[in-house]
Structures are given as structure tokens and as C-alpha cells.
PDB file of all heavy atoms in Angstrom:
ATOM      1  N   ILE A   1      15.117 -23.763  -7.163  1.00  0.00           N
ATOM      2  CA  ILE A   1      16.426 -23.168  -7.212  1.00  0.00           C
ATOM      3  C   ILE A   1      16.498 -22.060  -8.076  1.00  0.00           C
ATOM      4  O   ILE A   1      17.169 -21.047  -7.735  1.00  0.00           O
ATOM      5  CB  ILE A   1      17.406 -24.406  -7.738  1.00  0.00           C
ATOM      6  CG1 ILE A   1      17.611 -25.457  -6.723  1.00  0.00           C
ATOM      7  CG2 ILE A   1      18.850 -23.799  -8.084  1.00  0.00           C
ATOM      8  CD1 ILE A   1      18.201 -26.714  -7.186  1.00  0.00           C
ATOM      9  N   LEU A   2      15.890 -21.984  -9.235  1.00  0.00           N
ATOM     10  CA  LEU A   2      15.873 -20.886 -10.183  1.00  0.00           C
ATOM     11  C   LEU A   2      15.317 -19.591  -9.372  1.00  0.00           C
ATOM     12  O   LEU A   2      15.831 -18.543  -9.502  1.00  0.00           O
ATOM     13  CB  LEU A   2      15.043 -21.165 -11.404  1.00  0.00           C
ATOM     14  CG  LEU A   2      15.505 -22.135 -12.402  1.00  0.00           C
ATOM     15  CD1 LEU A   2      14.668 -22.454 -13.549  1.00  0.00           C
ATOM     16  CD2 LEU A   2      16.951 -21.746 -12.923  1.00  0.00           C
ATOM     17  N   VAL A   3      14.196 -19.787  -8.718  1.00  0.00           N
ATOM     18  CA  VAL A   3      13.640 -18.567  -7.984  1.00  0.00           C
ATOM     19  C   VAL A   3      14.546 -18.072  -6.940  1.00  0.00           C
ATOM     20  O   VAL A   3      14.798 -16.874  -6.710  1.00  0.00           O
ATOM     21  CB  VAL A   3      12.210 -18.918  -7.310  1.00  0.00           C
ATOM     22  CG1 VAL A   3      11.819 -17.833  -6.389  1.00  0.00           C
ATOM     23  CG2 VAL A   3      11.128 -19.161  -8.463  1.00  0.00           C
ATOM     24  N   ALA A   4      15.212 -18.989  -6.172  1.00  0.00           N
ATOM     25  CA  ALA A   4      16.017 -18.618  -5.053  1.00  0.00           C
ATOM     26  C   ALA A   4      17.327 -17.915  -5.617  1.00  0.00           C
ATOM     27  O   ALA A   4      17.719 -16.851  -4.911  1.00  0.00           O
ATOM     28  CB  ALA A   4      16.473 -19.849  -4.285  1.00  0.00           C
ATOM     29  N   ILE A   5      17.906 -18.426  -6.693  1.00  0.00           N
ATOM     30  CA  ILE A   5      19.144 -17.753  -7.144  1.00  0.00           C
ATOM     31  C   ILE A   5      18.878 -16.608  -8.116  1.00  0.00           C
ATOM     32  O   ILE A   5      19.638 -15.785  -8.419  1.00  0.00           O
ATOM     33  CB  ILE A   5      20.145 -18.786  -7.872  1.00  0.00           C
ATOM     34  CG1 ILE A   5      19.451 -19.420  -9.238  1.00  0.00           C
ATOM     35  CG2 ILE A   5      20.553 -19.795  -6.895  1.00  0.00           C
ATOM     36  CD1 ILE A   5      20.388 -20.201  -9.996  1.00  0.00           C
ATOM     37  N   GLY A   6      17.504 -16.497  -8.466  1.00  0.00           N
ATOM     38  CA  GLY A   6      17.162 -15.401  -9.415  1.00  0.00           C
ATOM     39  C   GLY A   6      17.553 -15.544 -10.837  1.00  0.00           C
ATOM     40  O   GLY A   6      18.024 -14.530 -11.465  1.00  0.00           O
ATOM     41  N   PHE A   7      17.411 -16.705 -11.386  1.00  0.00           N
ATOM     42  CA  PHE A   7      17.708 -17.018 -12.773  1.00  0.00           C
ATOM     43  C   PHE A   7      16.404 -17.313 -13.556  1.00  0.00           C
ATOM     44  O   PHE A   7      15.656 -18.214 -13.069  1.00  0.00           O
ATOM     45  CB  PHE A   7      18.754 -18.031 -12.897  1.00  0.00           C
ATOM     46  CG  PHE A   7      19.176 -18.414 -14.354  1.00  0.00           C
ATOM     47  CD1 PHE A   7      20.028 -17.389 -14.956  1.00  0.00           C
ATOM     48  CD2 PHE A   7      18.830 -19.537 -14.940  1.00  0.00           C
ATOM     49  CE1 PHE A   7      20.327 -17.628 -16.371  1.00  0.00           C
ATOM     50  CE2 PHE A   7      19.176 -19.743 -16.335  1.00  0.00           C
ATOM     51  CZ  PHE A   7      20.025 -18.757 -16.874  1.00  0.00           C
ATOM     52  N   LYS A   8      16.172 -16.593 -14.670  1.00  0.00           N
ATOM     53  CA  LYS A   8      14.872 -16.728 -15.315  1.00  0.00           C
ATOM     54  C   LYS A   8      13.797 -16.609 -14.337  1.00  0.00           C
ATOM     55  O   LYS A   8      12.701 -17.456 -14.299  1.00  0.00           O
ATOM     56  CB  LYS A   8      14.760 -18.121 -16.061  1.00  0.00           C
ATOM     57  CG  LYS A   8      15.880 -18.371 -17.051  1.00  0.00           C
ATOM     58  CD  LYS A   8      15.597 -17.638 -18.399  1.00  0.00           C
ATOM     59  CE  LYS A   8      16.650 -17.941 -19.457  1.00  0.00           C
ATOM     60  NZ  LYS A   8      16.539 -16.979 -20.591  1.00  0.00           N
ATOM     61  N   THR A   9      13.937 -15.633 -13.504  1.00  0.00           N
ATOM     62  CA  THR A   9      13.067 -15.670 -12.206  1.00  0.00           C
ATOM     63  C   THR A   9      11.607 -15.505 -12.449  1.00  0.00           C
ATOM     64  O   THR A   9      10.754 -16.176 -11.861  1.00  0.00           O
ATOM     65  CB  THR A   9      13.581 -14.407 -11.376  1.00  0.00           C
ATOM     66  OG1 THR A   9      14.886 -14.348 -11.422  1.00  0.00           O
ATOM     67  CG2 THR A   9      13.057 -14.595  -9.932  1.00  0.00           C
ATOM     68  N   LYS A  10      11.193 -14.570 -13.314  1.00  0.00           N
ATOM     69  CA  LYS A  10       9.817 -14.328 -13.578  1.00  0.00           C
ATOM     70  C   LYS A  10       9.095 -15.651 -14.191  1.00  0.00           C
ATOM     71  O   LYS A  10       8.011 -15.936 -13.702  1.00  0.00           O
ATOM     72  CB  LYS A  10       9.562 -13.137 -14.456  1.00  0.00           C
ATOM     73  CG  LYS A  10      10.063 -11.842 -13.855  1.00  0.00           C
ATOM     74  CD  LYS A  10       9.719 -10.571 -14.724  1.00  0.00           C
ATOM     75  CE  LYS A  10      10.032  -9.286 -14.036  1.00  0.00           C
ATOM     76  NZ  LYS A  10       9.622  -8.115 -14.651  1.00  0.00           N
ATOM     77  N   LEU A  11       9.691 -16.197 -15.146  1.00  0.00           N
ATOM     78  CA  LEU A  11       9.176 -17.422 -15.775  1.00  0.00           C
ATOM     79  C   LEU A  11       9.029 -18.543 -14.711  1.00  0.00           C
ATOM     80  O   LEU A  11       7.972 -19.258 -14.576  1.00  0.00           O
ATOM     81  CB  LEU A  11      10.057 -17.893 -16.949  1.00  0.00           C
ATOM     82  CG  LEU A  11       9.531 -19.120 -17.684  1.00  0.00           C
ATOM     83  CD1 LEU A  11       8.142 -18.893 -18.219  1.00  0.00           C
ATOM     84  CD2 LEU A  11      10.452 -19.381 -18.858  1.00  0.00           C
ATOM     85  N   ALA A  12      10.091 -18.786 -13.856  1.00  0.00           N
ATOM     86  CA  ALA A  12      10.123 -19.739 -12.915  1.00  0.00           C
ATOM     87  C   ALA A  12       9.116 -19.519 -11.845  1.00  0.00           C
ATOM     88  O   ALA A  12       8.301 -20.501 -11.461  1.00  0.00           O
ATOM     89  CB  ALA A  12      11.522 -19.906 -12.177  1.00  0.00           C
ATOM     90  N   ALA A  13       8.972 -18.260 -11.427  1.00  0.00           N
ATOM     91  CA  ALA A  13       8.029 -17.952 -10.376  1.00  0.00           C
ATOM     92  C   ALA A  13       6.562 -18.137 -10.924  1.00  0.00           C
ATOM     93  O   ALA A  13       5.701 -18.662 -10.151  1.00  0.00           O
ATOM     94  CB  ALA A  13       8.144 -16.503  -9.986  1.00  0.00           C
ATOM     95  N   LEU A  14       6.296 -17.684 -12.166  1.00  0.00           N
ATOM     96  CA  LEU A  14       4.882 -17.852 -12.782  1.00  0.00           C
ATOM     97  C   LEU A  14       4.608 -19.398 -12.878  1.00  0.00           C
ATOM     98  O   LEU A  14       3.510 -19.757 -12.604  1.00  0.00           O
ATOM     99  CB  LEU A  14       4.916 -17.131 -14.187  1.00  0.00           C
ATOM    100  CG  LEU A  14       3.568 -17.056 -14.795  1.00  0.00           C
ATOM    101  CD1 LEU A  14       2.618 -16.092 -13.864  1.00  0.00           C
ATOM    102  CD2 LEU A  14       3.587 -16.469 -16.080  1.00  0.00           C
ATOM    103  N   THR A  15       5.530 -20.228 -13.318  1.00  0.00           N
ATOM    104  CA  THR A  15       5.297 -21.699 -13.450  1.00  0.00           C
ATOM    105  C   THR A  15       4.964 -22.293 -11.965  1.00  0.00           C
ATOM    106  O   THR A  15       4.055 -23.034 -11.914  1.00  0.00           O
ATOM    107  CB  THR A  15       6.585 -22.345 -13.950  1.00  0.00           C
ATOM    108  OG1 THR A  15       7.016 -21.669 -15.150  1.00  0.00           O
ATOM    109  CG2 THR A  15       6.320 -23.783 -14.261  1.00  0.00           C
ATOM    110  N   LEU A  16       5.743 -21.738 -11.072  1.00  0.00           N
ATOM    111  CA  LEU A  16       5.425 -22.176  -9.657  1.00  0.00           C
ATOM    112  C   LEU A  16       4.015 -21.848  -9.218  1.00  0.00           C
ATOM    113  O   LEU A  16       3.352 -22.529  -8.464  1.00  0.00           O
ATOM    114  CB  LEU A  16       6.464 -21.704  -8.587  1.00  0.00           C
ATOM    115  CG  LEU A  16       7.820 -22.472  -8.536  1.00  0.00           C
ATOM    116  CD1 LEU A  16       8.754 -21.802  -7.647  1.00  0.00           C
ATOM    117  CD2 LEU A  16       7.580 -23.990  -8.202  1.00  0.00           C
ATOM    118  N   VAL A  17       3.583 -20.630  -9.592  1.00  0.00           N
ATOM    119  CA  VAL A  17       2.223 -20.155  -9.183  1.00  0.00           C
ATOM    120  C   VAL A  17       1.215 -21.058  -9.816  1.00  0.00           C
ATOM    121  O   VAL A  17       0.296 -21.463  -9.090  1.00  0.00           O
ATOM    122  CB  VAL A  17       1.954 -18.635  -9.704  1.00  0.00           C
ATOM    123  CG1 VAL A  17       0.534 -18.293  -9.811  1.00  0.00           C
ATOM    124  CG2 VAL A  17       2.858 -17.706  -9.017  1.00  0.00           C
ATOM    125  N   VAL A  18       1.426 -21.433 -11.180  1.00  0.00           N
ATOM    126  CA  VAL A  18       0.355 -22.314 -11.766  1.00  0.00           C
ATOM    127  C   VAL A  18       0.321 -23.654 -11.101  1.00  0.00           C
ATOM    128  O   VAL A  18      -0.674 -24.255 -10.768  1.00  0.00           O
ATOM    129  CB  VAL A  18       0.652 -22.470 -13.269  1.00  0.00           C
ATOM    130  CG1 VAL A  18      -0.279 -23.400 -13.899  1.00  0.00           C
ATOM    131  CG2 VAL A  18       0.559 -21.079 -13.939  1.00  0.00           C
ATOM    132  N   TRP A  19       1.591 -24.191 -10.821  1.00  0.00           N
ATOM    133  CA  TRP A  19       1.677 -25.516 -10.263  1.00  0.00           C
ATOM    134  C   TRP A  19       1.114 -25.537  -8.796  1.00  0.00           C
ATOM    135  O   TRP A  19       0.317 -26.410  -8.418  1.00  0.00           O
ATOM    136  CB  TRP A  19       3.143 -25.945 -10.199  1.00  0.00           C
ATOM    137  CG  TRP A  19       3.523 -27.220  -9.567  1.00  0.00           C
ATOM    138  CD1 TRP A  19       2.873 -28.433  -9.847  1.00  0.00           C
ATOM    139  CD2 TRP A  19       4.605 -27.508  -8.689  1.00  0.00           C
ATOM    140  NE1 TRP A  19       3.440 -29.442  -9.152  1.00  0.00           N
ATOM    141  CE2 TRP A  19       4.416 -28.940  -8.394  1.00  0.00           C
ATOM    142  CE3 TRP A  19       5.438 -26.783  -7.957  1.00  0.00           C
ATOM    143  CZ2 TRP A  19       5.305 -29.585  -7.558  1.00  0.00           C
ATOM    144  CZ3 TRP A  19       6.416 -27.404  -7.147  1.00  0.00           C
ATOM    145  CH2 TRP A  19       6.221 -28.861  -6.874  1.00  0.00           C
ATOM    146  N   LEU A  20       1.469 -24.543  -8.010  1.00  0.00           N
ATOM    147  CA  LEU A  20       1.030 -24.479  -6.638  1.00  0.00           C
ATOM    148  C   LEU A  20      -0.518 -24.266  -6.568  1.00  0.00           C
ATOM    149  O   LEU A  20      -1.229 -24.825  -5.715  1.00  0.00           O
ATOM    150  CB  LEU A  20       1.640 -23.286  -5.881  1.00  0.00           C
ATOM    151  CG  LEU A  20       1.629 -23.251  -4.358  1.00  0.00           C
ATOM    152  CD1 LEU A  20       2.024 -24.520  -3.714  1.00  0.00           C
ATOM    153  CD2 LEU A  20       2.462 -22.076  -3.804  1.00  0.00           C
ATOM    154  N   PHE A  21      -1.049 -23.445  -7.454  1.00  0.00           N
ATOM    155  CA  PHE A  21      -2.500 -23.201  -7.462  1.00  0.00           C
ATOM    156  C   PHE A  21      -3.266 -24.476  -7.790  1.00  0.00           C
ATOM    157  O   PHE A  21      -4.228 -24.792  -7.104  1.00  0.00           O
ATOM    158  CB  PHE A  21      -2.847 -22.057  -8.569  1.00  0.00           C
ATOM    159  CG  PHE A  21      -4.289 -21.706  -8.555  1.00  0.00           C
ATOM    160  CD1 PHE A  21      -4.840 -21.049  -7.475  1.00  0.00           C
ATOM    161  CD2 PHE A  21      -5.149 -22.166  -9.518  1.00  0.00           C
ATOM    162  CE1 PHE A  21      -6.177 -20.682  -7.488  1.00  0.00           C
ATOM    163  CE2 PHE A  21      -6.529 -21.819  -9.480  1.00  0.00           C
ATOM    164  CZ  PHE A  21      -6.986 -21.096  -8.460  1.00  0.00           C
ATOM    165  N   ALA A  22      -2.689 -25.240  -8.789  1.00  0.00           N
ATOM    166  CA  ALA A  22      -3.423 -26.606  -9.091  1.00  0.00           C
ATOM    167  C   ALA A  22      -3.327 -27.514  -7.997  1.00  0.00           C
ATOM    168  O   ALA A  22      -4.429 -28.142  -7.594  1.00  0.00           O
ATOM    169  CB  ALA A  22      -2.690 -27.136 -10.296  1.00  0.00           C
ATOM    170  N   ILE A  23      -2.266 -27.619  -7.245  1.00  0.00           N
ATOM    171  CA  ILE A  23      -2.067 -28.471  -6.102  1.00  0.00           C
ATOM    172  C   ILE A  23      -3.002 -28.062  -4.889  1.00  0.00           C
ATOM    173  O   ILE A  23      -3.663 -28.859  -4.308  1.00  0.00           O
ATOM    174  CB  ILE A  23      -0.608 -28.574  -5.600  1.00  0.00           C
ATOM    175  CG1 ILE A  23       0.327 -29.292  -6.639  1.00  0.00           C
ATOM    176  CG2 ILE A  23      -0.460 -29.030  -4.224  1.00  0.00           C
ATOM    177  CD1 ILE A  23       1.798 -29.124  -6.178  1.00  0.00           C
ATOM    178  N   ASN A  24      -3.046 -26.741  -4.850  1.00  0.00           N
ATOM    179  CA  ASN A  24      -3.900 -26.196  -3.720  1.00  0.00           C
ATOM    180  C   ASN A  24      -5.358 -26.595  -3.928  1.00  0.00           C
ATOM    181  O   ASN A  24      -6.030 -26.957  -2.979  1.00  0.00           O
ATOM    182  CB  ASN A  24      -3.653 -24.694  -3.685  1.00  0.00           C
ATOM    183  CG  ASN A  24      -4.063 -24.016  -2.293  1.00  0.00           C
ATOM    184  OD1 ASN A  24      -4.138 -24.725  -1.317  1.00  0.00           O
ATOM    185  ND2 ASN A  24      -4.458 -22.789  -2.360  1.00  0.00           N
ATOM    186  N   VAL A  25      -5.877 -26.349  -5.054  1.00  0.00           N
ATOM    187  CA  VAL A  25      -7.253 -26.608  -5.452  1.00  0.00           C
ATOM    188  C   VAL A  25      -7.585 -28.087  -5.318  1.00  0.00           C
ATOM    189  O   VAL A  25      -8.654 -28.335  -4.816  1.00  0.00           O
ATOM    190  CB  VAL A  25      -7.615 -25.914  -6.801  1.00  0.00           C
ATOM    191  CG1 VAL A  25      -9.116 -26.446  -7.218  1.00  0.00           C
ATOM    192  CG2 VAL A  25      -7.631 -24.521  -6.837  1.00  0.00           C
ATOM    193  N   TYR A  26      -6.637 -28.923  -5.709  1.00  0.00           N
ATOM    194  CA  TYR A  26      -6.915 -30.316  -5.647  1.00  0.00           C
ATOM    195  C   TYR A  26      -6.789 -30.911  -4.287  1.00  0.00           C
ATOM    196  O   TYR A  26      -7.793 -31.581  -3.850  1.00  0.00           O
ATOM    197  CB  TYR A  26      -5.746 -30.939  -6.540  1.00  0.00           C
ATOM    198  CG  TYR A  26      -6.013 -32.480  -6.676  1.00  0.00           C
ATOM    199  CD1 TYR A  26      -7.077 -33.052  -7.487  1.00  0.00           C
ATOM    200  CD2 TYR A  26      -5.167 -33.370  -5.977  1.00  0.00           C
ATOM    201  CE1 TYR A  26      -7.356 -34.371  -7.566  1.00  0.00           C
ATOM    202  CE2 TYR A  26      -5.403 -34.801  -6.025  1.00  0.00           C
ATOM    203  CZ  TYR A  26      -6.405 -35.312  -6.858  1.00  0.00           C
ATOM    204  OH  TYR A  26      -6.583 -36.577  -6.965  1.00  0.00           O
ATOM    205  N   PHE A  27      -5.768 -30.504  -3.516  1.00  0.00           N
ATOM    206  CA  PHE A  27      -5.596 -31.146  -2.223  1.00  0.00           C
ATOM    207  C   PHE A  27      -6.162 -30.418  -1.042  1.00  0.00           C
ATOM    208  O   PHE A  27      -6.542 -31.058   0.073  1.00  0.00           O
ATOM    209  CB  PHE A  27      -4.097 -31.222  -1.874  1.00  0.00           C
ATOM    210  CG  PHE A  27      -3.371 -32.300  -2.679  1.00  0.00           C
ATOM    211  CD1 PHE A  27      -2.429 -31.901  -3.729  1.00  0.00           C
ATOM    212  CD2 PHE A  27      -3.556 -33.659  -2.456  1.00  0.00           C
ATOM    213  CE1 PHE A  27      -1.787 -32.940  -4.467  1.00  0.00           C
ATOM    214  CE2 PHE A  27      -2.967 -34.685  -3.270  1.00  0.00           C
ATOM    215  CZ  PHE A  27      -2.099 -34.255  -4.223  1.00  0.00           C
ATOM    216  N   ASN A  28      -6.462 -29.149  -1.173  1.00  0.00           N
ATOM    217  CA  ASN A  28      -7.103 -28.414  -0.006  1.00  0.00           C
ATOM    218  C   ASN A  28      -8.473 -27.899  -0.334  1.00  0.00           C
ATOM    219  O   ASN A  28      -8.822 -26.760   0.087  1.00  0.00           O
ATOM    220  CB  ASN A  28      -6.169 -27.169   0.268  1.00  0.00           C
ATOM    221  CG  ASN A  28      -4.787 -27.578   0.837  1.00  0.00           C
ATOM    222  OD1 ASN A  28      -4.746 -28.531   1.582  1.00  0.00           O
ATOM    223  ND2 ASN A  28      -3.734 -26.869   0.507  1.00  0.00           N
ATOM    224  N   ALA A  29      -9.262 -28.768  -0.960  1.00  0.00           N
ATOM    225  CA  ALA A  29     -10.591 -28.424  -1.331  1.00  0.00           C
ATOM    226  C   ALA A  29     -11.514 -28.456  -0.144  1.00  0.00           C
ATOM    227  O   ALA A  29     -12.427 -29.430   0.108  1.00  0.00           O
ATOM    228  CB  ALA A  29     -11.126 -29.435  -2.408  1.00  0.00           C
ATOM    229  N   PHE A  30     -11.411 -27.524   0.807  1.00  0.00           N
ATOM    230  CA  PHE A  30     -12.132 -27.485   2.073  1.00  0.00           C
ATOM    231  C   PHE A  30     -13.704 -27.371   1.797  1.00  0.00           C
ATOM    232  O   PHE A  30     -14.413 -27.781   2.637  1.00  0.00           O
ATOM    233  CB  PHE A  30     -11.655 -26.373   2.961  1.00  0.00           C
ATOM    234  CG  PHE A  30     -11.866 -25.001   2.392  1.00  0.00           C
ATOM    235  CD1 PHE A  30     -13.034 -24.293   2.747  1.00  0.00           C
ATOM    236  CD2 PHE A  30     -10.916 -24.317   1.607  1.00  0.00           C
ATOM    237  CE1 PHE A  30     -13.250 -22.981   2.206  1.00  0.00           C
ATOM    238  CE2 PHE A  30     -11.156 -23.016   1.150  1.00  0.00           C
ATOM    239  CZ  PHE A  30     -12.363 -22.368   1.383  1.00  0.00           C
ATOM    240  N   TRP A  31     -14.032 -26.820   0.725  1.00  0.00           N
ATOM    241  CA  TRP A  31     -15.516 -26.648   0.370  1.00  0.00           C
ATOM    242  C   TRP A  31     -16.227 -27.985   0.109  1.00  0.00           C
ATOM    243  O   TRP A  31     -17.381 -27.928   0.179  1.00  0.00           O
ATOM    244  CB  TRP A  31     -15.628 -25.603  -0.819  1.00  0.00           C
ATOM    245  CG  TRP A  31     -14.831 -26.025  -1.980  1.00  0.00           C
ATOM    246  CD1 TRP A  31     -15.229 -26.909  -3.075  1.00  0.00           C
ATOM    247  CD2 TRP A  31     -13.539 -25.607  -2.304  1.00  0.00           C
ATOM    248  NE1 TRP A  31     -14.182 -27.083  -3.887  1.00  0.00           N
ATOM    249  CE2 TRP A  31     -13.089 -26.307  -3.574  1.00  0.00           C
ATOM    250  CE3 TRP A  31     -12.637 -24.742  -1.616  1.00  0.00           C
ATOM    251  CZ2 TRP A  31     -11.879 -26.128  -4.107  1.00  0.00           C
ATOM    252  CZ3 TRP A  31     -11.336 -24.578  -2.236  1.00  0.00           C
ATOM    253  CH2 TRP A  31     -10.985 -25.308  -3.404  1.00  0.00           C
ATOM    254  N   THR A  32     -15.444 -29.026  -0.014  1.00  0.00           N
ATOM    255  CA  THR A  32     -16.115 -30.298  -0.233  1.00  0.00           C
ATOM    256  C   THR A  32     -16.340 -31.054   1.065  1.00  0.00           C
ATOM    257  O   THR A  32     -17.008 -32.080   1.047  1.00  0.00           O
ATOM    258  CB  THR A  32     -15.181 -31.139  -1.148  1.00  0.00           C
ATOM    259  OG1 THR A  32     -13.962 -31.404  -0.456  1.00  0.00           O
ATOM    260  CG2 THR A  32     -14.933 -30.489  -2.484  1.00  0.00           C
ATOM    261  N   ILE A  33     -15.861 -30.422   2.138  1.00  0.00           N
ATOM    262  CA  ILE A  33     -16.042 -31.128   3.476  1.00  0.00           C
ATOM    263  C   ILE A  33     -17.056 -30.385   4.356  1.00  0.00           C
ATOM    264  O   ILE A  33     -16.947 -29.086   4.316  1.00  0.00           O
ATOM    265  CB  ILE A  33     -14.645 -31.249   4.139  1.00  0.00           C
ATOM    266  CG1 ILE A  33     -13.834 -32.231   3.363  1.00  0.00           C
ATOM    267  CG2 ILE A  33     -14.753 -31.709   5.546  1.00  0.00           C
ATOM    268  CD1 ILE A  33     -12.390 -32.383   3.779  1.00  0.00           C
ATOM    269  N   PRO A  34     -17.957 -30.991   5.079  1.00  0.00           N
ATOM    270  CA  PRO A  34     -18.932 -30.299   5.890  1.00  0.00           C
ATOM    271  C   PRO A  34     -18.139 -29.466   6.990  1.00  0.00           C
ATOM    272  O   PRO A  34     -17.106 -29.729   7.501  1.00  0.00           O
ATOM    273  CB  PRO A  34     -19.673 -31.487   6.533  1.00  0.00           C
ATOM    274  CG  PRO A  34     -19.476 -32.673   5.693  1.00  0.00           C
ATOM    275  CD  PRO A  34     -18.139 -32.439   5.019  1.00  0.00           C
ATOM    276  N   VAL A  35     -18.814 -28.324   7.205  1.00  0.00           N
ATOM    277  CA  VAL A  35     -18.301 -27.264   8.119  1.00  0.00           C
ATOM    278  C   VAL A  35     -17.870 -27.814   9.486  1.00  0.00           C
ATOM    279  O   VAL A  35     -16.960 -27.460  10.088  1.00  0.00           O
ATOM    280  CB  VAL A  35     -19.165 -26.058   8.175  1.00  0.00           C
ATOM    281  CG1 VAL A  35     -18.546 -25.023   9.140  1.00  0.00           C
ATOM    282  CG2 VAL A  35     -19.287 -25.414   6.818  1.00  0.00           C
ATOM    283  N   TYR A  36     -18.813 -28.778  10.037  1.00  0.00           N
ATOM    284  CA  TYR A  36     -18.606 -29.238  11.343  1.00  0.00           C
ATOM    285  C   TYR A  36     -17.426 -30.147  11.543  1.00  0.00           C
ATOM    286  O   TYR A  36     -17.078 -30.458  12.706  1.00  0.00           O
ATOM    287  CB  TYR A  36     -19.960 -29.907  11.872  1.00  0.00           C
ATOM    288  CG  TYR A  36     -20.388 -31.000  10.991  1.00  0.00           C
ATOM    289  CD1 TYR A  36     -19.864 -32.355  11.300  1.00  0.00           C
ATOM    290  CD2 TYR A  36     -21.323 -30.870  10.042  1.00  0.00           C
ATOM    291  CE1 TYR A  36     -20.249 -33.375  10.473  1.00  0.00           C
ATOM    292  CE2 TYR A  36     -21.730 -32.019   9.233  1.00  0.00           C
ATOM    293  CZ  TYR A  36     -21.183 -33.282   9.490  1.00  0.00           C
ATOM    294  OH  TYR A  36     -21.576 -34.271   8.689  1.00  0.00           O
ATOM    295  N   LYS A  37     -16.853 -30.688  10.445  1.00  0.00           N
ATOM    296  CA  LYS A  37     -15.707 -31.493  10.615  1.00  0.00           C
ATOM    297  C   LYS A  37     -14.441 -30.803  10.713  1.00  0.00           C
ATOM    298  O   LYS A  37     -14.176 -29.785  10.004  1.00  0.00           O
ATOM    299  CB  LYS A  37     -15.613 -32.484   9.439  1.00  0.00           C
ATOM    300  CG  LYS A  37     -16.785 -33.422   9.171  1.00  0.00           C
ATOM    301  CD  LYS A  37     -16.474 -34.544   8.251  1.00  0.00           C
ATOM    302  CE  LYS A  37     -17.529 -35.612   8.287  1.00  0.00           C
ATOM    303  NZ  LYS A  37     -17.294 -36.712   7.270  1.00  0.00           N
ATOM    304  N   PRO A  38     -13.552 -31.280  11.661  1.00  0.00           N
ATOM    305  CA  PRO A  38     -12.250 -30.589  11.892  1.00  0.00           C
ATOM    306  C   PRO A  38     -11.480 -30.427  10.673  1.00  0.00           C
ATOM    307  O   PRO A  38     -10.724 -29.447  10.451  1.00  0.00           O
ATOM    308  CB  PRO A  38     -11.577 -31.347  13.033  1.00  0.00           C
ATOM    309  CG  PRO A  38     -12.617 -32.173  13.619  1.00  0.00           C
ATOM    310  CD  PRO A  38     -13.765 -32.357  12.603  1.00  0.00           C
ATOM    311  N   MET A  39     -11.565 -31.346   9.792  1.00  0.00           N
ATOM    312  CA  MET A  39     -10.741 -31.365   8.562  1.00  0.00           C
ATOM    313  C   MET A  39     -11.093 -30.085   7.693  1.00  0.00           C
ATOM    314  O   MET A  39     -10.275 -29.612   7.000  1.00  0.00           O
ATOM    315  CB  MET A  39     -11.058 -32.696   7.785  1.00  0.00           C
ATOM    316  CG  MET A  39     -10.018 -32.898   6.758  1.00  0.00           C
ATOM    317  SD  MET A  39      -8.345 -33.213   7.519  1.00  0.00           S
ATOM    318  CE  MET A  39      -7.275 -33.600   6.177  1.00  0.00           C
ATOM    319  N   HIS A  40     -12.290 -29.609   7.763  1.00  0.00           N
ATOM    320  CA  HIS A  40     -12.636 -28.493   7.011  1.00  0.00           C
ATOM    321  C   HIS A  40     -11.837 -27.266   7.381  1.00  0.00           C
ATOM    322  O   HIS A  40     -11.357 -26.569   6.503  1.00  0.00           O
ATOM    323  CB  HIS A  40     -14.242 -28.107   7.282  1.00  0.00           C
ATOM    324  CG  HIS A  40     -14.698 -26.925   6.616  1.00  0.00           C
ATOM    325  ND1 HIS A  40     -15.299 -26.872   5.338  1.00  0.00           N
ATOM    326  CD2 HIS A  40     -14.645 -25.631   7.029  1.00  0.00           C
ATOM    327  CE1 HIS A  40     -15.563 -25.584   5.081  1.00  0.00           C
ATOM    328  NE2 HIS A  40     -15.268 -24.803   6.039  1.00  0.00           N
ATOM    329  N   ASP A  41     -11.756 -27.099   8.715  1.00  0.00           N
ATOM    330  CA  ASP A  41     -11.007 -25.944   9.133  1.00  0.00           C
ATOM    331  C   ASP A  41      -9.536 -26.117   8.835  1.00  0.00           C
ATOM    332  O   ASP A  41      -8.808 -25.146   8.394  1.00  0.00           O
ATOM    333  CB  ASP A  41     -11.105 -25.773  10.687  1.00  0.00           C
ATOM    334  CG  ASP A  41     -12.125 -24.732  11.067  1.00  0.00           C
ATOM    335  OD1 ASP A  41     -12.741 -24.201  10.122  1.00  0.00           O
ATOM    336  OD2 ASP A  41     -12.243 -24.417  12.196  1.00  0.00           O
ATOM    337  N   PHE A  42      -8.887 -27.327   8.943  1.00  0.00           N
ATOM    338  CA  PHE A  42      -7.544 -27.581   8.717  1.00  0.00           C
ATOM    339  C   PHE A  42      -7.216 -27.383   7.310  1.00  0.00           C
ATOM    340  O   PHE A  42      -6.246 -26.662   6.975  1.00  0.00           O
ATOM    341  CB  PHE A  42      -7.293 -29.112   9.036  1.00  0.00           C
ATOM    342  CG  PHE A  42      -5.838 -29.408   8.813  1.00  0.00           C
ATOM    343  CD1 PHE A  42      -4.850 -29.139   9.758  1.00  0.00           C
ATOM    344  CD2 PHE A  42      -5.440 -30.227   7.751  1.00  0.00           C
ATOM    345  CE1 PHE A  42      -3.503 -29.451   9.505  1.00  0.00           C
ATOM    346  CE2 PHE A  42      -4.208 -30.607   7.443  1.00  0.00           C
ATOM    347  CZ  PHE A  42      -3.192 -30.198   8.338  1.00  0.00           C
ATOM    348  N   LEU A  43      -8.029 -27.825   6.374  1.00  0.00           N
ATOM    349  CA  LEU A  43      -7.765 -27.611   4.830  1.00  0.00           C
ATOM    350  C   LEU A  43      -7.941 -26.158   4.467  1.00  0.00           C
ATOM    351  O   LEU A  43      -7.262 -25.668   3.730  1.00  0.00           O
ATOM    352  CB  LEU A  43      -8.773 -28.487   4.086  1.00  0.00           C
ATOM    353  CG  LEU A  43      -8.495 -29.976   4.131  1.00  0.00           C
ATOM    354  CD1 LEU A  43      -9.410 -30.785   3.134  1.00  0.00           C
ATOM    355  CD2 LEU A  43      -7.053 -30.254   3.624  1.00  0.00           C
ATOM    356  N   LYS A  44      -8.931 -25.495   5.095  1.00  0.00           N
ATOM    357  CA  LYS A  44      -9.165 -24.043   4.850  1.00  0.00           C
ATOM    358  C   LYS A  44      -7.932 -23.257   5.268  1.00  0.00           C
ATOM    359  O   LYS A  44      -7.573 -22.359   4.490  1.00  0.00           O
ATOM    360  CB  LYS A  44     -10.398 -23.577   5.691  1.00  0.00           C
ATOM    361  CG  LYS A  44     -10.886 -22.271   5.201  1.00  0.00           C
ATOM    362  CD  LYS A  44     -12.150 -21.983   6.093  1.00  0.00           C
ATOM    363  CE  LYS A  44     -12.723 -20.596   5.756  1.00  0.00           C
ATOM    364  NZ  LYS A  44     -13.963 -20.303   6.558  1.00  0.00           N
TER     365      LYS A  44
END
């Protein structure tokens, strides 16, 4: 909501960057799955 309405925008956006990066590395770790598995491409 803060990013959408533009209130404390830079701080809110930076916090979302950190949060999203952490979630991304944790949930979409395609490098841990063999290349031949369809899940590798999906996560990538």
C-alpha cells in the first residue's frame, strides 16, 4: 500500500526488495534441481 500510494516510498520499496530477494532465493532455488527435471525450468 505504501509503494502504491507513494508514502515513504523509497524505504518501503527497499524493504520489499530485501523481502522479495530472500523469498526468491529460498523458494525458487532452481540450481538445486537437476536440469532434466521440468521443475528446474519452472523455478528458473
